[in-house]
Amino acid sequence: MGFMGVLATVAQAGQAAAASAPSGVSVATSSSGNYDDAFGTQAYDDGSFQAQIHLQQGSVFSSNTGETQLDITALNSYSAGSSMSIRISAYLRATGATSQSWSLTDLTDSGLLSFVPTLNTSSMSTAQDSTFGNSSHLGGFVVISAGGGRGGLTWGNDSDWIQFKVKGTATNNVGSTNSDEITLKIVWTAGDPGD
């Protein structure tokens, strides 16, 4: 190959590579439209969603923070198992990304709980579309393990709460760009499964 051919090959390679790290990176409920800087959540157990216990579809967020409810009355009536999970639905909007990753962090709670909340992050999704339309959702989720013993399961009390954060990262050959962290607080509330 002549010198001009080498230059042409280098130029073509340069054109194929991204000029900058991904931009416009945000956590959202879908690829476009409502809601940006938001994600969805739903109670899940025994192989199916439990919307009567908790369902939140993204409208509760403002300035990267949201607050919603979980119906403690419905949860106290649930007897199919001793744990319940909060599954997360999210889409990572980004321009110029070739791969994605997600984080689920910073679980906190109101304290003095009769149940045990934990994060399961062992199988986080690497899909841009990690919504409920994707069978693995975000991959990570919040586990609510009931307390109690022979006297029966205890799932918590009115006004108990948990809080956690979700963030996405978009990557290409130049680098990575993080979304803002989006925080959700879920409050145990009699008769209200969420928004």
N, C-alpha and C. Protein backbone atom coordinates (compact mmCIF):
# COMPACT_ATOMS: atom_id res chain seq x y z
N MET A 1 0.85 -1.20 0.00
CA MET A 1 0.00 0.00 0.00
C MET A 1 0.88 1.24 0.00
N GLY A 2 0.57 2.20 -0.89
CA GLY A 2 1.34 3.42 -0.94
C GLY A 2 1.05 4.34 0.22
N PHE A 3 1.83 5.41 0.31
CA PHE A 3 1.68 6.37 1.40
C PHE A 3 0.29 6.97 1.44
N MET A 4 -0.27 7.32 0.28
CA MET A 4 -1.61 7.91 0.25
C MET A 4 -2.65 6.90 0.70
N GLY A 5 -2.43 5.63 0.38
CA GLY A 5 -3.36 4.60 0.83
C GLY A 5 -3.36 4.45 2.33
N VAL A 6 -2.19 4.54 2.95
CA VAL A 6 -2.08 4.48 4.41
C VAL A 6 -2.83 5.64 5.03
N LEU A 7 -2.65 6.85 4.47
CA LEU A 7 -3.35 8.02 5.00
C LEU A 7 -4.86 7.85 4.89
N ALA A 8 -5.32 7.30 3.77
CA ALA A 8 -6.75 7.11 3.59
C ALA A 8 -7.31 6.12 4.60
N THR A 9 -6.56 5.06 4.86
CA THR A 9 -7.00 4.06 5.84
C THR A 9 -7.07 4.66 7.23
N VAL A 10 -6.07 5.43 7.61
CA VAL A 10 -6.07 6.10 8.91
C VAL A 10 -7.24 7.06 9.01
N ALA A 11 -7.51 7.80 7.96
CA ALA A 11 -8.61 8.76 7.97
C ALA A 11 -9.94 8.04 8.14
N GLN A 12 -10.12 6.91 7.46
CA GLN A 12 -11.35 6.15 7.58
C GLN A 12 -11.53 5.62 9.00
N ALA A 13 -10.44 5.16 9.60
CA ALA A 13 -10.52 4.67 10.97
C ALA A 13 -10.91 5.78 11.92
N GLY A 14 -10.37 6.96 11.67
CA GLY A 14 -10.71 8.11 12.51
C GLY A 14 -12.17 8.49 12.39
N GLN A 15 -12.69 8.37 11.16
CA GLN A 15 -14.10 8.71 10.97
C GLN A 15 -15.01 7.71 11.66
N ALA A 16 -14.58 6.45 11.76
CA ALA A 16 -15.40 5.42 12.39
C ALA A 16 -15.44 5.56 13.90
N ALA A 17 -14.39 6.12 14.47
CA ALA A 17 -14.31 6.26 15.92
C ALA A 17 -15.12 7.48 16.38
N ALA A 18 -15.67 7.38 17.60
CA ALA A 18 -16.41 8.51 18.15
C ALA A 18 -15.46 9.66 18.44
N ALA A 19 -15.97 10.87 18.29
CA ALA A 19 -15.15 12.06 18.53
C ALA A 19 -15.16 12.48 19.99
N SER A 20 -16.15 12.00 20.74
CA SER A 20 -16.24 12.38 22.15
C SER A 20 -17.01 11.31 22.91
N ALA A 21 -16.93 11.38 24.22
CA ALA A 21 -17.68 10.44 25.07
C ALA A 21 -19.18 10.67 24.88
N PRO A 22 -20.01 9.71 25.24
CA PRO A 22 -21.46 9.86 25.07
C PRO A 22 -22.00 11.12 25.75
N SER A 23 -23.04 11.67 25.15
CA SER A 23 -23.66 12.88 25.69
C SER A 23 -25.15 12.65 25.89
N GLY A 24 -25.79 13.60 26.57
CA GLY A 24 -27.22 13.50 26.81
C GLY A 24 -27.62 12.27 27.60
N VAL A 25 -26.79 11.90 28.56
CA VAL A 25 -27.02 10.65 29.30
C VAL A 25 -27.97 10.89 30.47
N SER A 26 -29.06 10.14 30.49
CA SER A 26 -30.02 10.29 31.59
C SER A 26 -30.80 9.00 31.78
N VAL A 27 -31.23 8.78 33.01
CA VAL A 27 -32.12 7.67 33.35
C VAL A 27 -33.54 8.11 33.06
N ALA A 28 -34.30 7.27 32.38
CA ALA A 28 -35.66 7.63 32.00
C ALA A 28 -36.55 6.39 32.05
N THR A 29 -37.85 6.61 31.86
CA THR A 29 -38.79 5.49 31.86
C THR A 29 -38.96 4.88 30.47
N SER A 30 -38.49 5.58 29.43
CA SER A 30 -38.58 5.07 28.06
C SER A 30 -37.58 5.82 27.20
N SER A 31 -37.52 5.48 25.91
CA SER A 31 -36.52 6.08 25.02
C SER A 31 -36.81 7.55 24.73
N SER A 32 -38.05 7.98 24.84
CA SER A 32 -38.42 9.37 24.59
C SER A 32 -39.71 9.69 25.32
N GLY A 33 -40.01 10.98 25.44
CA GLY A 33 -41.24 11.37 26.12
C GLY A 33 -41.11 11.26 27.63
N ASN A 34 -42.25 11.15 28.29
CA ASN A 34 -42.26 11.04 29.75
C ASN A 34 -41.84 9.63 30.18
N TYR A 35 -40.98 9.53 31.20
CA TYR A 35 -40.47 10.61 32.05
C TYR A 35 -38.95 10.55 32.02
N ASP A 36 -38.29 11.71 31.99
CA ASP A 36 -36.84 11.75 32.05
C ASP A 36 -36.40 12.01 33.49
N ASP A 37 -35.15 11.62 33.81
CA ASP A 37 -34.65 11.69 35.18
C ASP A 37 -35.63 11.01 36.13
N ALA A 38 -35.99 9.79 35.77
CA ALA A 38 -37.00 9.03 36.50
C ALA A 38 -36.86 7.55 36.16
N PHE A 39 -37.47 6.70 36.97
CA PHE A 39 -37.56 5.27 36.66
C PHE A 39 -38.83 4.71 37.29
N GLY A 40 -39.21 3.52 36.87
CA GLY A 40 -40.40 2.88 37.41
C GLY A 40 -40.04 1.81 38.43
N THR A 41 -40.99 1.50 39.31
CA THR A 41 -40.79 0.43 40.29
C THR A 41 -42.10 -0.34 40.46
N GLN A 42 -41.95 -1.61 40.83
CA GLN A 42 -43.13 -2.44 41.07
C GLN A 42 -42.77 -3.60 42.00
N ALA A 43 -43.70 -3.93 42.90
CA ALA A 43 -43.49 -5.09 43.77
C ALA A 43 -43.56 -6.37 42.93
N TYR A 44 -42.74 -7.34 43.31
CA TYR A 44 -42.64 -8.58 42.53
C TYR A 44 -42.35 -9.74 43.47
N ASP A 45 -43.07 -10.84 43.27
CA ASP A 45 -42.78 -12.06 44.00
C ASP A 45 -43.52 -13.22 43.35
N ASP A 46 -43.05 -14.41 43.62
CA ASP A 46 -43.71 -15.62 43.16
C ASP A 46 -43.90 -15.62 41.64
N GLY A 47 -42.91 -15.05 40.92
CA GLY A 47 -42.93 -15.09 39.47
C GLY A 47 -43.83 -14.08 38.80
N SER A 48 -44.36 -13.13 39.55
CA SER A 48 -45.25 -12.15 38.92
C SER A 48 -45.22 -10.83 39.68
N PHE A 49 -45.63 -9.78 38.98
CA PHE A 49 -45.73 -8.47 39.61
C PHE A 49 -46.92 -8.43 40.57
N GLN A 50 -46.77 -7.64 41.61
CA GLN A 50 -47.81 -7.48 42.62
C GLN A 50 -48.18 -5.99 42.70
N ALA A 51 -48.87 -5.53 41.65
CA ALA A 51 -49.19 -4.10 41.55
C ALA A 51 -50.11 -3.63 42.66
N GLN A 52 -50.86 -4.54 43.27
CA GLN A 52 -51.75 -4.14 44.36
C GLN A 52 -50.96 -3.74 45.60
N ILE A 53 -49.70 -4.16 45.65
CA ILE A 53 -48.83 -3.80 46.78
C ILE A 53 -48.03 -2.54 46.46
N HIS A 54 -47.44 -2.49 45.25
CA HIS A 54 -46.69 -1.29 44.88
C HIS A 54 -46.54 -1.20 43.36
N LEU A 55 -46.81 0.01 42.85
CA LEU A 55 -46.58 0.32 41.44
C LEU A 55 -46.34 1.82 41.31
N GLN A 56 -45.24 2.18 40.65
CA GLN A 56 -44.85 3.58 40.46
C GLN A 56 -44.27 3.69 39.07
N GLN A 57 -44.78 4.62 38.25
CA GLN A 57 -44.44 4.64 36.83
C GLN A 57 -43.64 5.86 36.37
N GLY A 58 -43.11 6.63 37.31
CA GLY A 58 -42.18 7.70 36.94
C GLY A 58 -42.66 9.11 37.13
N SER A 59 -43.93 9.31 37.40
CA SER A 59 -44.46 10.68 37.48
C SER A 59 -44.11 11.38 38.79
N VAL A 60 -43.55 10.66 39.76
CA VAL A 60 -43.34 11.22 41.10
C VAL A 60 -42.02 11.97 41.23
N PHE A 61 -41.20 11.98 40.16
CA PHE A 61 -39.84 12.55 40.27
C PHE A 61 -39.79 14.03 39.90
N SER A 62 -38.97 14.75 40.64
CA SER A 62 -38.66 16.14 40.35
C SER A 62 -37.27 16.43 40.88
N SER A 63 -36.45 17.08 40.07
CA SER A 63 -35.08 17.41 40.48
C SER A 63 -34.32 16.18 40.96
N ASN A 64 -34.49 15.07 40.23
CA ASN A 64 -33.76 13.82 40.46
C ASN A 64 -34.17 13.08 41.72
N THR A 65 -35.30 13.46 42.31
CA THR A 65 -35.76 12.82 43.54
C THR A 65 -37.26 12.55 43.45
N GLY A 66 -37.67 11.38 43.95
CA GLY A 66 -39.08 11.03 43.95
C GLY A 66 -39.50 10.40 45.26
N GLU A 67 -40.80 10.49 45.55
CA GLU A 67 -41.36 9.82 46.72
C GLU A 67 -42.68 9.16 46.32
N THR A 68 -42.84 7.91 46.73
CA THR A 68 -44.03 7.16 46.38
C THR A 68 -44.43 6.30 47.57
N GLN A 69 -45.43 5.43 47.36
CA GLN A 69 -45.98 4.66 48.46
C GLN A 69 -45.96 3.17 48.16
N LEU A 70 -46.05 2.39 49.22
CA LEU A 70 -46.25 0.95 49.17
C LEU A 70 -47.39 0.64 50.13
N ASP A 71 -48.36 -0.16 49.69
CA ASP A 71 -49.56 -0.43 50.50
C ASP A 71 -49.25 -1.49 51.55
N ILE A 72 -49.06 -1.05 52.79
CA ILE A 72 -48.73 -1.97 53.86
C ILE A 72 -49.92 -2.87 54.20
N THR A 73 -51.13 -2.41 53.96
CA THR A 73 -52.30 -3.25 54.20
C THR A 73 -52.30 -4.45 53.26
N ALA A 74 -52.05 -4.19 51.97
CA ALA A 74 -51.98 -5.29 50.99
C ALA A 74 -50.79 -6.20 51.27
N LEU A 75 -49.67 -5.63 51.68
CA LEU A 75 -48.49 -6.44 51.96
C LEU A 75 -48.72 -7.34 53.17
N ASN A 76 -49.39 -6.82 54.19
CA ASN A 76 -49.68 -7.64 55.37
C ASN A 76 -50.61 -8.80 55.03
N SER A 77 -51.37 -8.68 53.96
CA SER A 77 -52.29 -9.75 53.54
C SER A 77 -51.61 -10.77 52.65
N TYR A 78 -50.37 -10.51 52.27
CA TYR A 78 -49.67 -11.38 51.34
C TYR A 78 -49.05 -12.55 52.09
N SER A 79 -49.29 -13.76 51.63
CA SER A 79 -48.82 -14.93 52.37
C SER A 79 -48.13 -15.96 51.48
N ALA A 80 -47.83 -15.59 50.23
CA ALA A 80 -47.22 -16.56 49.31
C ALA A 80 -45.74 -16.79 49.59
N GLY A 81 -45.12 -15.92 50.37
CA GLY A 81 -43.71 -16.06 50.67
C GLY A 81 -43.30 -15.14 51.80
N SER A 82 -42.04 -15.25 52.20
CA SER A 82 -41.54 -14.43 53.31
C SER A 82 -40.65 -13.29 52.83
N SER A 83 -40.60 -13.09 51.50
CA SER A 83 -39.86 -11.96 50.97
C SER A 83 -40.58 -11.40 49.76
N MET A 84 -40.33 -10.15 49.50
CA MET A 84 -40.92 -9.43 48.38
C MET A 84 -39.81 -8.58 47.79
N SER A 85 -39.80 -8.38 46.49
CA SER A 85 -38.77 -7.51 45.91
C SER A 85 -39.42 -6.30 45.25
N ILE A 86 -38.65 -5.23 45.17
CA ILE A 86 -39.02 -4.04 44.41
C ILE A 86 -38.18 -4.05 43.15
N ARG A 87 -38.80 -4.34 42.01
CA ARG A 87 -38.11 -4.38 40.73
C ARG A 87 -38.11 -2.99 40.10
N ILE A 88 -37.10 -2.73 39.27
CA ILE A 88 -36.84 -1.39 38.75
C ILE A 88 -36.85 -1.42 37.23
N SER A 89 -37.53 -0.46 36.64
CA SER A 89 -37.66 -0.33 35.19
C SER A 89 -37.02 0.98 34.76
N ALA A 90 -36.02 0.92 33.86
CA ALA A 90 -35.32 2.14 33.46
C ALA A 90 -34.76 2.01 32.05
N TYR A 91 -34.64 3.14 31.38
CA TYR A 91 -34.06 3.22 30.04
C TYR A 91 -32.95 4.26 30.10
N LEU A 92 -31.76 3.93 29.57
CA LEU A 92 -30.65 4.87 29.60
C LEU A 92 -30.59 5.64 28.28
N ARG A 93 -31.02 6.89 28.32
CA ARG A 93 -30.94 7.73 27.13
C ARG A 93 -29.51 8.23 26.96
N ALA A 94 -29.00 8.15 25.75
CA ALA A 94 -27.62 8.59 25.49
C ALA A 94 -27.41 8.72 23.99
N THR A 95 -26.54 9.64 23.61
CA THR A 95 -26.12 9.81 22.23
C THR A 95 -24.66 9.37 22.10
N GLY A 96 -24.39 8.50 21.14
CA GLY A 96 -23.01 8.08 20.88
C GLY A 96 -22.49 6.98 21.76
N ALA A 97 -23.38 6.25 22.42
CA ALA A 97 -22.93 5.16 23.29
C ALA A 97 -22.87 3.84 22.54
N THR A 98 -21.92 3.01 22.91
CA THR A 98 -21.84 1.66 22.36
C THR A 98 -22.10 0.59 23.42
N SER A 99 -22.07 0.97 24.68
CA SER A 99 -22.41 0.04 25.76
C SER A 99 -22.93 0.82 26.95
N GLN A 100 -23.60 0.10 27.85
CA GLN A 100 -24.23 0.72 29.01
C GLN A 100 -24.00 -0.13 30.25
N SER A 101 -24.07 0.51 31.40
CA SER A 101 -24.06 -0.22 32.67
C SER A 101 -24.93 0.55 33.66
N TRP A 102 -25.32 -0.13 34.72
CA TRP A 102 -26.24 0.44 35.71
C TRP A 102 -25.70 0.23 37.12
N SER A 103 -26.08 1.12 38.02
CA SER A 103 -25.76 0.92 39.44
C SER A 103 -27.00 1.17 40.28
N LEU A 104 -27.11 0.40 41.35
CA LEU A 104 -28.19 0.51 42.34
C LEU A 104 -27.51 0.57 43.69
N THR A 105 -27.63 1.70 44.39
CA THR A 105 -26.79 1.94 45.57
C THR A 105 -27.56 2.68 46.66
N ASP A 106 -26.85 2.87 47.78
CA ASP A 106 -27.23 3.79 48.86
C ASP A 106 -28.60 3.48 49.44
N LEU A 107 -28.84 2.22 49.80
CA LEU A 107 -30.09 1.87 50.46
C LEU A 107 -30.08 2.38 51.89
N THR A 108 -31.08 3.18 52.22
CA THR A 108 -31.25 3.65 53.59
C THR A 108 -32.70 3.40 54.00
N ASP A 109 -32.99 3.55 55.30
CA ASP A 109 -34.36 3.31 55.76
C ASP A 109 -34.65 4.15 56.99
N SER A 110 -35.90 4.07 57.44
CA SER A 110 -36.36 4.90 58.56
C SER A 110 -35.88 4.38 59.90
N GLY A 111 -35.34 3.16 59.96
CA GLY A 111 -34.83 2.61 61.20
C GLY A 111 -35.91 1.93 62.03
N LEU A 112 -35.48 1.07 62.94
CA LEU A 112 -36.38 0.33 63.84
C LEU A 112 -37.44 -0.42 63.05
N LEU A 113 -37.03 -1.08 61.98
CA LEU A 113 -37.96 -1.78 61.10
C LEU A 113 -38.21 -3.20 61.60
N SER A 114 -39.42 -3.71 61.31
CA SER A 114 -39.73 -5.10 61.63
C SER A 114 -39.48 -6.02 60.44
N PHE A 115 -38.91 -5.48 59.37
CA PHE A 115 -38.50 -6.25 58.20
C PHE A 115 -37.05 -5.87 57.87
N VAL A 116 -36.45 -6.58 56.93
CA VAL A 116 -35.05 -6.31 56.59
C VAL A 116 -34.95 -5.98 55.10
N PRO A 117 -34.57 -4.74 54.75
CA PRO A 117 -34.36 -4.40 53.34
C PRO A 117 -32.89 -4.58 52.95
N THR A 118 -32.65 -5.15 51.77
CA THR A 118 -31.29 -5.31 51.25
C THR A 118 -31.31 -5.06 49.75
N LEU A 119 -30.12 -4.83 49.18
CA LEU A 119 -29.98 -4.70 47.74
C LEU A 119 -29.40 -5.98 47.17
N ASN A 120 -29.96 -6.44 46.05
CA ASN A 120 -29.38 -7.53 45.28
C ASN A 120 -28.84 -6.93 43.99
N THR A 121 -27.52 -6.84 43.87
CA THR A 121 -26.88 -6.24 42.70
C THR A 121 -25.98 -7.23 41.98
N SER A 122 -26.23 -8.50 42.16
CA SER A 122 -25.34 -9.52 41.61
C SER A 122 -25.49 -9.70 40.10
N SER A 123 -26.61 -9.25 39.53
CA SER A 123 -26.84 -9.47 38.08
C SER A 123 -27.38 -8.19 37.44
N MET A 124 -26.63 -7.10 37.57
CA MET A 124 -27.08 -5.83 37.00
C MET A 124 -27.14 -5.91 35.47
N SER A 125 -28.15 -5.30 34.91
CA SER A 125 -28.32 -5.28 33.46
C SER A 125 -27.21 -4.49 32.77
N THR A 126 -26.90 -4.86 31.54
CA THR A 126 -26.01 -4.06 30.68
C THR A 126 -26.76 -3.60 29.43
N ALA A 127 -28.09 -3.65 29.50
CA ALA A 127 -28.91 -3.26 28.36
C ALA A 127 -29.35 -1.80 28.48
N GLN A 128 -29.38 -1.10 27.36
CA GLN A 128 -29.91 0.26 27.36
C GLN A 128 -31.37 0.24 27.77
N ASP A 129 -32.13 -0.68 27.21
CA ASP A 129 -33.54 -0.83 27.56
C ASP A 129 -33.65 -1.84 28.69
N SER A 130 -33.69 -1.34 29.91
CA SER A 130 -33.83 -2.19 31.09
C SER A 130 -35.18 -1.92 31.76
N THR A 131 -36.17 -1.73 30.91
CA THR A 131 -37.54 -1.49 31.39
C THR A 131 -38.22 -2.82 31.69
N PHE A 132 -39.47 -2.74 32.14
CA PHE A 132 -40.22 -3.96 32.44
C PHE A 132 -40.51 -4.77 31.19
N GLY A 133 -40.32 -4.17 30.00
CA GLY A 133 -40.44 -4.93 28.76
C GLY A 133 -39.29 -5.88 28.54
N ASN A 134 -38.18 -5.65 29.25
CA ASN A 134 -37.01 -6.54 29.22
C ASN A 134 -37.14 -7.49 30.41
N SER A 135 -37.07 -8.77 30.18
CA SER A 135 -37.39 -9.74 31.23
C SER A 135 -36.51 -9.62 32.47
N SER A 136 -35.30 -9.08 32.32
CA SER A 136 -34.42 -8.95 33.48
C SER A 136 -34.55 -7.60 34.18
N HIS A 137 -35.31 -6.68 33.59
CA HIS A 137 -35.49 -5.33 34.14
C HIS A 137 -34.11 -4.70 34.37
N LEU A 138 -33.92 -4.02 35.49
CA LEU A 138 -32.62 -3.43 35.78
C LEU A 138 -31.59 -4.48 36.21
N GLY A 139 -32.06 -5.67 36.48
CA GLY A 139 -31.17 -6.72 36.98
C GLY A 139 -31.09 -6.69 38.50
N GLY A 140 -30.65 -5.58 39.05
CA GLY A 140 -30.63 -5.42 40.50
C GLY A 140 -31.99 -5.03 41.03
N PHE A 141 -32.22 -5.31 42.30
CA PHE A 141 -33.51 -4.99 42.90
C PHE A 141 -33.37 -4.88 44.42
N VAL A 142 -34.42 -4.37 45.05
CA VAL A 142 -34.48 -4.26 46.50
C VAL A 142 -35.25 -5.47 47.04
N VAL A 143 -34.69 -6.13 48.03
CA VAL A 143 -35.35 -7.27 48.66
C VAL A 143 -35.94 -6.83 50.00
N ILE A 144 -37.20 -7.14 50.19
CA ILE A 144 -37.87 -6.89 51.47
C ILE A 144 -38.10 -8.25 52.13
N SER A 145 -37.35 -8.55 53.17
CA SER A 145 -37.49 -9.82 53.88
C SER A 145 -38.30 -9.60 55.15
N ALA A 146 -39.38 -10.35 55.27
CA ALA A 146 -40.27 -10.18 56.42
C ALA A 146 -39.58 -10.61 57.70
N GLY A 147 -39.95 -9.94 58.78
CA GLY A 147 -39.52 -10.37 60.10
C GLY A 147 -40.55 -11.31 60.70
N GLY A 148 -40.44 -11.55 61.99
CA GLY A 148 -41.42 -12.40 62.66
C GLY A 148 -40.96 -13.83 62.76
N GLY A 149 -41.87 -14.66 63.21
CA GLY A 149 -41.57 -16.08 63.41
C GLY A 149 -42.85 -16.87 63.47
N ARG A 150 -42.99 -17.67 64.51
CA ARG A 150 -44.19 -18.50 64.64
C ARG A 150 -45.45 -17.67 64.80
N GLY A 151 -45.30 -16.49 65.30
CA GLY A 151 -46.46 -15.62 65.47
C GLY A 151 -46.94 -14.99 64.19
N GLY A 152 -46.23 -15.21 63.09
CA GLY A 152 -46.62 -14.64 61.81
C GLY A 152 -45.57 -13.70 61.28
N LEU A 153 -45.67 -13.40 60.00
CA LEU A 153 -44.72 -12.51 59.34
C LEU A 153 -45.01 -11.05 59.68
N THR A 154 -43.95 -10.26 59.75
CA THR A 154 -44.11 -8.82 59.97
C THR A 154 -43.48 -8.08 58.80
N TRP A 155 -44.26 -7.25 58.14
CA TRP A 155 -43.84 -6.56 56.93
C TRP A 155 -43.62 -5.07 57.15
N GLY A 156 -43.75 -4.60 58.37
CA GLY A 156 -43.53 -3.18 58.62
C GLY A 156 -44.79 -2.47 59.07
N ASN A 157 -44.64 -1.18 59.28
CA ASN A 157 -45.73 -0.36 59.80
C ASN A 157 -45.92 0.89 58.95
N ASP A 158 -47.08 1.48 59.08
CA ASP A 158 -47.38 2.73 58.39
C ASP A 158 -46.29 3.76 58.70
N SER A 159 -45.82 4.44 57.67
CA SER A 159 -44.79 5.49 57.74
C SER A 159 -43.37 4.96 57.75
N ASP A 160 -43.16 3.64 57.79
CA ASP A 160 -41.81 3.13 57.52
C ASP A 160 -41.42 3.53 56.10
N TRP A 161 -40.13 3.61 55.83
CA TRP A 161 -39.70 3.93 54.47
C TRP A 161 -38.33 3.34 54.16
N ILE A 162 -38.10 3.16 52.86
CA ILE A 162 -36.78 2.83 52.34
C ILE A 162 -36.44 3.82 51.23
N GLN A 163 -35.16 3.97 50.95
CA GLN A 163 -34.71 4.90 49.91
C GLN A 163 -33.48 4.32 49.23
N PHE A 164 -33.36 4.53 47.92
CA PHE A 164 -32.22 4.02 47.17
C PHE A 164 -31.98 4.88 45.93
N LYS A 165 -30.84 4.65 45.26
CA LYS A 165 -30.45 5.46 44.12
C LYS A 165 -30.14 4.58 42.91
N VAL A 166 -30.47 5.10 41.73
CA VAL A 166 -30.18 4.43 40.46
C VAL A 166 -29.37 5.38 39.58
N LYS A 167 -28.37 4.85 38.91
CA LYS A 167 -27.54 5.64 37.99
C LYS A 167 -27.16 4.77 36.80
N GLY A 168 -27.04 5.40 35.63
CA GLY A 168 -26.59 4.70 34.44
C GLY A 168 -25.29 5.30 33.92
N THR A 169 -24.52 4.48 33.22
CA THR A 169 -23.28 4.92 32.60
C THR A 169 -23.27 4.48 31.14
N ALA A 170 -23.02 5.45 30.26
CA ALA A 170 -22.92 5.18 28.82
C ALA A 170 -21.46 5.29 28.40
N THR A 171 -21.01 4.36 27.55
CA THR A 171 -19.59 4.25 27.21
C THR A 171 -19.41 4.10 25.70
N ASN A 172 -18.32 4.68 25.19
CA ASN A 172 -17.86 4.39 23.82
C ASN A 172 -16.33 4.32 23.84
N ASN A 173 -15.70 4.31 22.66
CA ASN A 173 -14.25 4.14 22.61
C ASN A 173 -13.48 5.34 23.18
N VAL A 174 -14.15 6.47 23.33
CA VAL A 174 -13.49 7.66 23.88
C VAL A 174 -13.55 7.67 25.40
N GLY A 175 -14.69 7.29 25.97
CA GLY A 175 -14.81 7.34 27.42
C GLY A 175 -16.22 7.03 27.87
N SER A 176 -16.49 7.35 29.12
CA SER A 176 -17.80 7.06 29.74
C SER A 176 -18.41 8.33 30.31
N THR A 177 -19.72 8.38 30.31
CA THR A 177 -20.47 9.49 30.87
C THR A 177 -21.55 8.95 31.79
N ASN A 178 -21.60 9.47 33.01
CA ASN A 178 -22.60 9.04 33.97
C ASN A 178 -23.85 9.91 33.87
N SER A 179 -24.99 9.30 34.12
CA SER A 179 -26.21 10.07 34.33
C SER A 179 -26.18 10.67 35.73
N ASP A 180 -27.12 11.55 36.01
CA ASP A 180 -27.34 11.96 37.39
C ASP A 180 -27.83 10.75 38.19
N GLU A 181 -27.56 10.74 39.48
CA GLU A 181 -28.16 9.74 40.36
C GLU A 181 -29.61 10.12 40.61
N ILE A 182 -30.50 9.15 40.49
CA ILE A 182 -31.92 9.39 40.71
C ILE A 182 -32.32 8.65 41.99
N THR A 183 -32.91 9.38 42.92
CA THR A 183 -33.23 8.85 44.25
C THR A 183 -34.73 8.64 44.39
N LEU A 184 -35.11 7.48 44.92
CA LEU A 184 -36.52 7.22 45.20
C LEU A 184 -36.71 6.80 46.65
N LYS A 185 -37.71 7.41 47.28
CA LYS A 185 -38.13 7.04 48.64
C LYS A 185 -39.49 6.37 48.54
N ILE A 186 -39.63 5.20 49.15
CA ILE A 186 -40.90 4.47 49.17
C ILE A 186 -41.40 4.42 50.61
N VAL A 187 -42.59 4.96 50.83
CA VAL A 187 -43.15 5.07 52.18
C VAL A 187 -44.28 4.05 52.35
N TRP A 188 -44.20 3.26 53.40
CA TRP A 188 -45.26 2.30 53.72
C TRP A 188 -46.51 3.09 54.12
N THR A 189 -47.60 2.89 53.37
CA THR A 189 -48.81 3.70 53.55
C THR A 189 -50.03 2.80 53.39
N ALA A 190 -50.88 2.77 54.39
CA ALA A 190 -52.07 1.92 54.32
C ALA A 190 -53.00 2.37 53.20
N GLY A 191 -53.35 1.43 52.31
CA GLY A 191 -54.32 1.69 51.28
C GLY A 191 -53.81 2.39 50.04
N ASP A 192 -52.50 2.63 49.94
CA ASP A 192 -51.94 3.36 48.79
C ASP A 192 -50.75 2.59 48.22
N PRO A 193 -50.90 1.97 47.03
CA PRO A 193 -49.80 1.21 46.45
C PRO A 193 -48.80 2.04 45.64
N GLY A 194 -49.07 3.34 45.48
CA GLY A 194 -48.13 4.19 44.75
C GLY A 194 -48.83 5.01 43.69
N ASP A 195 -48.03 5.60 42.78
CA ASP A 195 -48.54 6.50 41.78
C ASP A 195 -48.19 6.02 40.38
